[in-house]
C-alpha atoms as a PDB file:
ATOM      1  CA  MET A   1     -17.881 -44.656 -12.656  1.00  0.00           C
ATOM      2  CA  ILE A   2     -18.382 -43.371  -9.516  1.00  0.00           C
ATOM      3  CA  LYS A   3     -15.003 -45.564  -7.910  1.00  0.00           C
ATOM      4  CA  LYS A   4     -13.344 -43.673 -10.474  1.00  0.00           C
ATOM      5  CA  THR A   5     -14.154 -40.487  -9.585  1.00  0.00           C
ATOM      6  CA  ALA A   6     -13.753 -40.862  -5.674  1.00  0.00           C
ATOM      7  CA  THR A   7     -10.224 -42.149  -6.653  1.00  0.00           C
ATOM      8  CA  ILE A   8      -9.410 -38.956  -8.149  1.00  0.00           C
ATOM      9  CA  MET A   9     -10.886 -36.441  -6.034  1.00  0.00           C
ATOM     10  CA  ALA A  10      -9.298 -38.515  -3.143  1.00  0.00           C
ATOM     11  CA  LEU A  11      -5.898 -37.853  -4.991  1.00  0.00           C
ATOM     12  CA  VAL A  12      -6.427 -34.108  -5.427  1.00  0.00           C
ATOM     13  CA  LEU A  13      -7.188 -33.903  -1.920  1.00  0.00           C
ATOM     14  CA  VAL A  14      -3.976 -35.554  -0.837  1.00  0.00           C
ATOM     15  CA  SER A  15      -2.085 -33.945  -3.128  1.00  0.00           C
ATOM     16  CA  THR A  16      -3.365 -30.716  -1.970  1.00  0.00           C
ATOM     17  CA  MET A  17      -2.795 -31.407   1.722  1.00  0.00           C
ATOM     18  CA  LEU A  18       0.683 -32.633   0.942  1.00  0.00           C
ATOM     19  CA  ALA A  19       1.363 -29.047  -0.763  1.00  0.00           C
ATOM     20  CA  TRP A  20      -0.070 -27.334   2.528  1.00  0.00           C
ATOM     21  CA  SER A  21       2.128 -29.444   5.089  1.00  0.00           C
ATOM     22  CA  GLN A  22       4.958 -28.199   3.038  1.00  0.00           C
ATOM     23  CA  THR A  23       4.252 -24.070   4.002  1.00  0.00           C
ATOM     24  CA  TYR A  24       5.722 -22.764   7.257  1.00  0.00           C
ATOM     25  CA  ARG A  25       3.943 -19.654   8.821  1.00  0.00           C
ATOM     26  CA  TYR A  26       7.071 -18.039  10.109  1.00  0.00           C
ATOM     27  CA  GLU A  27      10.589 -16.868   8.680  1.00  0.00           C
ATOM     28  CA  ILE A  28      13.573 -15.107  10.547  1.00  0.00           C
ATOM     29  CA  GLY A  29      16.538 -13.897   8.965  1.00  0.00           C
ATOM     30  CA  PRO A  30      19.360 -11.384   8.711  1.00  0.00           C
ATOM     31  CA  ALA A  31      19.448  -8.346   6.562  1.00  0.00           C
ATOM     32  CA  VAL A  32      22.461  -6.254   5.159  1.00  0.00           C
ATOM     33  CA  GLY A  33      22.042  -2.969   2.702  1.00  0.00           C
ATOM     34  CA  VAL A  34      23.056   0.386   2.074  1.00  0.00           C
ATOM     35  CA  THR A  35      21.287   3.873   3.372  1.00  0.00           C
ATOM     36  CA  GLY A  36      20.387   7.322   2.129  1.00  0.00           C
ATOM     37  CA  TYR A  37      19.807  10.637   3.551  1.00  0.00           C
ATOM     38  CA  LEU A  38      17.171  13.737   3.104  1.00  0.00           C
ATOM     39  CA  GLY A  39      17.180  16.313   5.470  1.00  0.00           C
ATOM     40  CA  ASP A  40      18.473  19.920   6.598  1.00  0.00           C
ATOM     41  CA  VAL A  41      21.884  19.269   5.146  1.00  0.00           C
ATOM     42  CA  ASN A  42      21.156  17.374   1.767  1.00  0.00           C
ATOM     43  CA  ARG A  43      18.072  18.435   0.319  1.00  0.00           C
ATOM     44  CA  SER A  44      18.896  16.511  -3.368  1.00  0.00           C
ATOM     45  CA  ASN A  45      21.252  13.828  -3.739  1.00  0.00           C
ATOM     46  CA  MET A  46      19.978  11.146  -1.360  1.00  0.00           C
ATOM     47  CA  TYR A  47      22.823   8.893  -1.910  1.00  0.00           C
ATOM     48  CA  LYS A  48      25.566  11.899  -1.368  1.00  0.00           C
ATOM     49  CA  MET A  49      27.216  10.371   1.424  1.00  0.00           C
ATOM     50  CA  PRO A  50      26.099   6.220   1.561  1.00  0.00           C
ATOM     51  CA  ARG A  51      26.205   4.220   4.562  1.00  0.00           C
ATOM     52  CA  VAL A  52      25.400   0.730   5.632  1.00  0.00           C
ATOM     53  CA  ALA A  53      22.354  -1.053   7.825  1.00  0.00           C
ATOM     54  CA  GLY A  54      22.120  -4.153   9.376  1.00  0.00           C
ATOM     55  CA  GLY A  55      20.172  -5.804  11.621  1.00  0.00           C
ATOM     56  CA  GLY A  56      17.101  -8.957  11.152  1.00  0.00           C
ATOM     57  CA  ILE A  57      13.503 -10.058  10.492  1.00  0.00           C
ATOM     58  CA  PHE A  58      10.881 -11.558  11.718  1.00  0.00           C
ATOM     59  CA  ARG A  59       8.095 -12.521   9.298  1.00  0.00           C
ATOM     60  CA  TYR A  60       4.378 -14.393   9.488  1.00  0.00           C
ATOM     61  CA  ASN A  61       3.061 -15.298   6.526  1.00  0.00           C
ATOM     62  CA  LEU A  62      -1.237 -15.066   7.144  1.00  0.00           C
ATOM     63  CA  ASN A  63      -1.460 -16.332   3.850  1.00  0.00           C
ATOM     64  CA  THR A  64       0.326 -16.415  -0.053  1.00  0.00           C
ATOM     65  CA  ARG A  65      -0.796 -12.953  -0.364  1.00  0.00           C
ATOM     66  CA  PHE A  66      -0.252 -10.547   2.859  1.00  0.00           C
ATOM     67  CA  SER A  67       2.419 -10.896   5.207  1.00  0.00           C
ATOM     68  CA  PHE A  68       3.505  -9.091   8.315  1.00  0.00           C
ATOM     69  CA  LYS A  69       7.170  -8.080   9.357  1.00  0.00           C
ATOM     70  CA  GLY A  70       8.920  -6.575  12.099  1.00  0.00           C
ATOM     71  CA  ASN A  71      12.528  -5.771  11.590  1.00  0.00           C
ATOM     72  CA  LEU A  72      14.993  -4.338  14.251  1.00  0.00           C
ATOM     73  CA  LEU A  73      17.774  -2.499  12.131  1.00  0.00           C
ATOM     74  CA  TYR A  74      21.206  -0.536  12.717  1.00  0.00           C
ATOM     75  CA  VAL A  75      21.133   1.938  10.271  1.00  0.00           C
ATOM     76  CA  ASN A  76      24.111   4.536   9.681  1.00  0.00           C
ATOM     77  CA  LEU A  77      23.587   7.959   8.167  1.00  0.00           C
ATOM     78  CA  ALA A  78      25.473  10.398   7.295  1.00  0.00           C
ATOM     79  CA  GLY A  79      25.008  14.358   6.063  1.00  0.00           C
ATOM     80  CA  ASP A  80      27.284  17.292   5.185  1.00  0.00           C
ATOM     81  CA  SER A  81      25.690  20.646   4.194  1.00  0.00           C
ATOM     82  CA  LYS A  82      29.336  21.735   1.802  1.00  0.00           C
ATOM     83  CA  ASN A  83      27.844  22.211  -2.264  1.00  0.00           C
ATOM     84  CA  ILE A  84      24.496  22.178  -1.714  1.00  0.00           C
ATOM     85  CA  GLU A  85      22.074  25.167  -2.934  1.00  0.00           C
ATOM     86  CA  SER A  86      20.725  25.600   0.376  1.00  0.00           C
ATOM     87  CA  LYS A  87      22.445  28.849   2.407  1.00  0.00           C
ATOM     88  CA  PHE A  88      22.041  28.631   6.406  1.00  0.00           C
ATOM     89  CA  PRO A  89      22.281  32.095   8.504  1.00  0.00           C
ATOM     90  CA  PHE A  90      25.805  33.274   8.902  1.00  0.00           C
ATOM     91  CA  ASP A  91      27.345  31.169   5.957  1.00  0.00           C
ATOM     92  CA  GLN A  92      27.143  28.413   9.047  1.00  0.00           C
ATOM     93  CA  GLN A  93      28.188  24.529   7.673  1.00  0.00           C
ATOM     94  CA  PHE A  94      26.995  21.570   9.159  1.00  0.00           C
ATOM     95  CA  SER A  95      27.563  18.035   9.081  1.00  0.00           C
ATOM     96  CA  PHE A  96      26.667  14.882  11.116  1.00  0.00           C
ATOM     97  CA  ASN A  97      27.206  11.157  11.789  1.00  0.00           C
ATOM     98  CA  ALA A  98      24.178   9.592  13.111  1.00  0.00           C
ATOM     99  CA  HIS A  99      23.676   5.763  14.573  1.00  0.00           C
ATOM    100  CA  VAL A 100      20.073   4.906  14.660  1.00  0.00           C
ATOM    101  CA  VAL A 101      18.067   2.132  16.008  1.00  0.00           C
ATOM    102  CA  ASP A 102      14.912   1.230  14.165  1.00  0.00           C
ATOM    103  CA  LEU A 103      12.334  -1.095  15.371  1.00  0.00           C
ATOM    104  CA  ALA A 104       9.649  -1.124  12.632  1.00  0.00           C
ATOM    105  CA  GLY A 105       6.316  -3.555  11.851  1.00  0.00           C
ATOM    106  CA  GLN A 106       5.314  -3.682   8.081  1.00  0.00           C
ATOM    107  CA  VAL A 107       2.453  -4.980   6.250  1.00  0.00           C
ATOM    108  CA  GLU A 108       3.559  -6.987   2.592  1.00  0.00           C
ATOM    109  CA  PHE A 109       1.159  -7.430  -0.079  1.00  0.00           C
ATOM    110  CA  ASN A 110       2.327  -9.899  -2.892  1.00  0.00           C
ATOM    111  CA  PHE A 111       1.739  -9.326  -6.016  1.00  0.00           C
ATOM    112  CA  PHE A 112       1.273 -13.235  -6.733  1.00  0.00           C
ATOM    113  CA  HIS A 113       0.763 -16.235  -4.422  1.00  0.00           C
ATOM    114  CA  PHE A 114       3.917 -16.667  -3.401  1.00  0.00           C
ATOM    115  CA  GLY A 115       5.465 -20.021  -2.542  1.00  0.00           C
ATOM    116  CA  ASP A 116       5.291 -24.033  -3.818  1.00  0.00           C
ATOM    117  CA  GLY A 117       2.066 -25.583  -4.345  1.00  0.00           C
ATOM    118  CA  PRO A 118      -0.384 -26.973  -6.602  1.00  0.00           C
ATOM    119  CA  ARG A 119      -0.086 -25.710 -10.006  1.00  0.00           C
ATOM    120  CA  TYR A 120      -3.959 -24.904 -10.508  1.00  0.00           C
ATOM    121  CA  LYS A 121      -3.362 -22.421  -7.111  1.00  0.00           C
ATOM    122  CA  HIS A 122      -0.687 -20.361  -9.288  1.00  0.00           C
ATOM    123  CA  TYR A 123       1.950 -20.436  -7.196  1.00  0.00           C
ATOM    124  CA  LYS A 124       5.155 -18.395  -7.727  1.00  0.00           C
ATOM    125  CA  ARG A 125       8.302 -18.488  -6.601  1.00  0.00           C
ATOM    126  CA  LEU A 126       9.451 -14.964  -7.537  1.00  0.00           C
ATOM    127  CA  THR A 127       6.889 -12.327  -6.589  1.00  0.00           C
ATOM    128  CA  PRO A 128       6.887  -8.585  -6.264  1.00  0.00           C
ATOM    129  CA  TYR A 129       5.528  -7.372  -3.326  1.00  0.00           C
ATOM    130  CA  LEU A 130       4.368  -3.497  -1.587  1.00  0.00           C
ATOM    131  CA  THR A 131       5.410  -2.483   2.088  1.00  0.00           C
ATOM    132  CA  VAL A 132       3.826   0.221   4.556  1.00  0.00           C
ATOM    133  CA  GLY A 133       4.458  -0.072   8.056  1.00  0.00           C
ATOM    134  CA  LEU A 134       4.749   1.698  11.400  1.00  0.00           C
ATOM    135  CA  GLY A 135       8.142   2.192  13.867  1.00  0.00           C
ATOM    136  CA  ALA A 136      10.120   4.146  16.391  1.00  0.00           C
ATOM    137  CA  GLU A 137      13.128   5.258  15.832  1.00  0.00           C
ATOM    138  CA  LEU A 138      16.362   6.159  18.461  1.00  0.00           C
ATOM    139  CA  SER A 139      19.197   8.397  16.886  1.00  0.00           C
ATOM    140  CA  PHE A 140      22.260   9.269  18.406  1.00  0.00           C
ATOM    141  CA  ALA A 141      23.898  12.320  16.212  1.00  0.00           C
ATOM    142  CA  ASN A 142      27.002  14.693  16.922  1.00  0.00           C
ATOM    143  CA  GLY A 143      26.204  13.877  20.850  1.00  0.00           C
ATOM    144  CA  ASN A 144      22.714  14.579  20.604  1.00  0.00           C
ATOM    145  CA  THR A 145      19.991  12.099  21.669  1.00  0.00           C
ATOM    146  CA  SER A 146      16.497  11.681  20.036  1.00  0.00           C
ATOM    147  CA  PHE A 147      13.561   9.372  19.806  1.00  0.00           C
ATOM    148  CA  GLY A 148      10.575   9.500  17.565  1.00  0.00           C
ATOM    149  CA  MET A 149       8.138   7.667  15.149  1.00  0.00           C
ATOM    150  CA  VAL A 150       9.106   6.747  12.066  1.00  0.00           C
ATOM    151  CA  LEU A 151       6.852   5.303   8.767  1.00  0.00           C
ATOM    152  CA  PRO A 152       8.248   3.366   5.993  1.00  0.00           C
ATOM    153  CA  LEU A 153       7.133   3.163   2.485  1.00  0.00           C
ATOM    154  CA  GLY A 154       8.536   0.593  -0.075  1.00  0.00           C
ATOM    155  CA  ALA A 155       8.289  -1.874  -2.265  1.00  0.00           C
ATOM    156  CA  GLY A 156      10.540  -5.203  -2.864  1.00  0.00           C
ATOM    157  CA  VAL A 157      10.493  -8.803  -4.124  1.00  0.00           C
ATOM    158  CA  LYS A 158      11.133 -12.129  -2.781  1.00  0.00           C
ATOM    159  CA  PHE A 159      12.335 -15.493  -4.550  1.00  0.00           C
ATOM    160  CA  ARG A 160      12.294 -18.849  -3.166  1.00  0.00           C
ATOM    161  CA  LEU A 161      15.610 -20.438  -3.633  1.00  0.00           C
ATOM    162  CA  LYS A 162      14.754 -23.566  -2.423  1.00  0.00           C
ATOM    163  CA  GLU A 163      11.961 -25.290   0.127  1.00  0.00           C
ATOM    164  CA  ARG A 164      12.412 -23.196   3.797  1.00  0.00           C
ATOM    165  CA  LEU A 165      15.278 -21.026   2.106  1.00  0.00           C
ATOM    166  CA  ASN A 166      13.807 -17.371   0.551  1.00  0.00           C
ATOM    167  CA  LEU A 167      16.056 -14.613  -0.699  1.00  0.00           C
ATOM    168  CA  GLY A 168      14.623 -10.899  -0.772  1.00  0.00           C
ATOM    169  CA  PHE A 169      15.666  -7.510  -1.714  1.00  0.00           C
ATOM    170  CA  GLU A 170      13.754  -4.402  -0.641  1.00  0.00           C
ATOM    171  CA  PHE A 171      13.771  -0.527  -0.692  1.00  0.00           C
ATOM    172  CA  THR A 172      12.348   1.653   1.926  1.00  0.00           C
ATOM    173  CA  MET A 173      11.776   5.663   2.129  1.00  0.00           C
ATOM    174  CA  ARG A 174      11.558   6.003   6.237  1.00  0.00           C
ATOM    175  CA  LYS A 175       9.685   8.905   7.127  1.00  0.00           C
ATOM    176  CA  SER A 176      11.149   9.970  10.295  1.00  0.00           C
ATOM    177  CA  PHE A 177       8.803  12.690  12.586  1.00  0.00           C
ATOM    178  CA  SER A 178      11.285  13.515  14.318  1.00  0.00           C
ATOM    179  CA  ASP A 179      13.332  16.619  13.617  1.00  0.00           C
ATOM    180  CA  LYS A 180      16.299  15.755  15.623  1.00  0.00           C
ATOM    181  CA  LEU A 181      17.206  12.860  13.580  1.00  0.00           C
ATOM    182  CA  ASP A 182      20.388  13.933  12.420  1.00  0.00           C
ATOM    183  CA  GLY A 183      21.122  15.729  15.286  1.00  0.00           C
ATOM    184  CA  ILE A 184      20.376  19.716  13.717  1.00  0.00           C
ATOM    185  CA  THR A 185      16.808  21.354  14.376  1.00  0.00           C
ATOM    186  CA  ASP A 186      15.974  25.098  13.985  1.00  0.00           C
ATOM    187  CA  LEU A 187      18.946  26.086  11.384  1.00  0.00           C
ATOM    188  CA  TYR A 188      16.907  29.119  10.460  1.00  0.00           C
ATOM    189  CA  GLY A 189      15.924  29.949  14.134  1.00  0.00           C
ATOM    190  CA  TYR A 190      12.624  27.944  13.899  1.00  0.00           C
ATOM    191  CA  ASP A 191      11.347  24.802  14.628  1.00  0.00           C
ATOM    192  CA  HIS A 192       9.608  22.892  11.830  1.00  0.00           C
ATOM    193  CA  GLY A 193       7.090  21.034  14.064  1.00  0.00           C
ATOM    194  CA  MET A 194       6.423  17.251  12.566  1.00  0.00           C
ATOM    195  CA  ALA A 195       4.851  18.236  10.222  1.00  0.00           C
ATOM    196  CA  LYS A 196       6.813  20.231   8.332  1.00  0.00           C
ATOM    197  CA  ASN A 197       9.923  17.847   9.200  1.00  0.00           C
ATOM    198  CA  THR A 198      11.991  17.509   6.233  1.00  0.00           C
ATOM    199  CA  ASP A 199      13.994  14.205   7.707  1.00  0.00           C
ATOM    200  CA  TRP A 200      13.744  11.155   5.764  1.00  0.00           C
ATOM    201  CA  TYR A 201      16.605   8.221   5.261  1.00  0.00           C
ATOM    202  CA  SER A 202      16.163   5.212   2.721  1.00  0.00           C
ATOM    203  CA  VAL A 203      17.354   1.705   3.263  1.00  0.00           C
ATOM    204  CA  ALA A 204      18.054  -0.796   0.443  1.00  0.00           C
ATOM    205  CA  MET A 205      18.702  -4.325   2.117  1.00  0.00           C
ATOM    206  CA  PHE A 206      18.994  -7.753   1.015  1.00  0.00           C
ATOM    207  CA  THR A 207      17.508 -10.251   3.263  1.00  0.00           C
ATOM    208  CA  VAL A 208      18.093 -14.294   3.469  1.00  0.00           C
ATOM    209  CA  THR A 209      15.310 -16.013   5.596  1.00  0.00           C
ATOM    210  CA  TYR A 210      14.364 -19.473   6.812  1.00  0.00           C
ATOM    211  CA  GLU A 211      11.345 -20.547   7.215  1.00  0.00           C
ATOM    212  CA  PHE A 212       9.726 -22.477  10.300  1.00  0.00           C
ATOM    213  CA  SER A 213       6.893 -23.579  12.210  1.00  0.00           C
ATOM    214  CA  LYS A 214       4.562 -25.779   9.593  1.00  0.00           C
ATOM    215  CA  ARG A 215       1.249 -25.221   9.697  1.00  0.00           C
ATOM    216  CA  CYS A 216      -1.260 -27.649  10.971  1.00  0.00           C
ATOM    217  CA  VAL A 217      -3.547 -29.721   8.271  1.00  0.00           C
ATOM    218  CA  LYS A 218      -6.221 -31.717   9.989  1.00  0.00           C
ATOM    219  CA  CYS A 219      -9.132 -33.143   7.171  1.00  0.00           C
ATOM    220  CA  HIS A 220     -10.167 -30.126   6.167  1.00  0.00           C
ATOM    221  CA  TYR A 221      -9.276 -27.495   8.318  1.00  0.00           C
ATOM    222  CA  ILE A 222      -5.544 -25.243   7.633  1.00  0.00           C
ATOM    223  CA  GLU A 223      -4.467 -23.260  10.490  1.00  0.00           C
END
């Protein structure tokens, strides 16, 4: 009986170690998507003038529930004050085309234990997640250059396509703390300031990531 119990425990331990040995700490890959803008010249329809975004992401998987992600994105934004309800002084019309470099770090919380592993641990190959972060943006719009902080807030979903290869979709609203993101400011003759700044933009992006750097498994220690 003791021998049988020891054999079962050994098999469980080995299978657990093998499952962990197939997990990886890091992911890297490209991102591409669609952007929207809300601000001084567009207060309601975020996708009135959709544009594109592209870049790359790097993710560190702390465990099956939490990840830290860094993304470097090129974001194109556009807006036009035609056919909007707001009226500007002297019936002026404003439009812009902005090129934004977005560098941000985000924390992700998975709803389920994401990945492959022992059945009793309830790993899932598909999980939704919530994300929040902080970053910086450099915007070039209408001949003006501005720099500011950005706050990404959103949600997404991850899918384990196969070992070491994941697909993802993420939607974030990104609050800009620079009132010059669109190259337009003081439209009514006063400065909005950071607290009342109206500039937001969204990024809906698809990602493909490749996992690398196996976790170290030594006896009962898991890195």
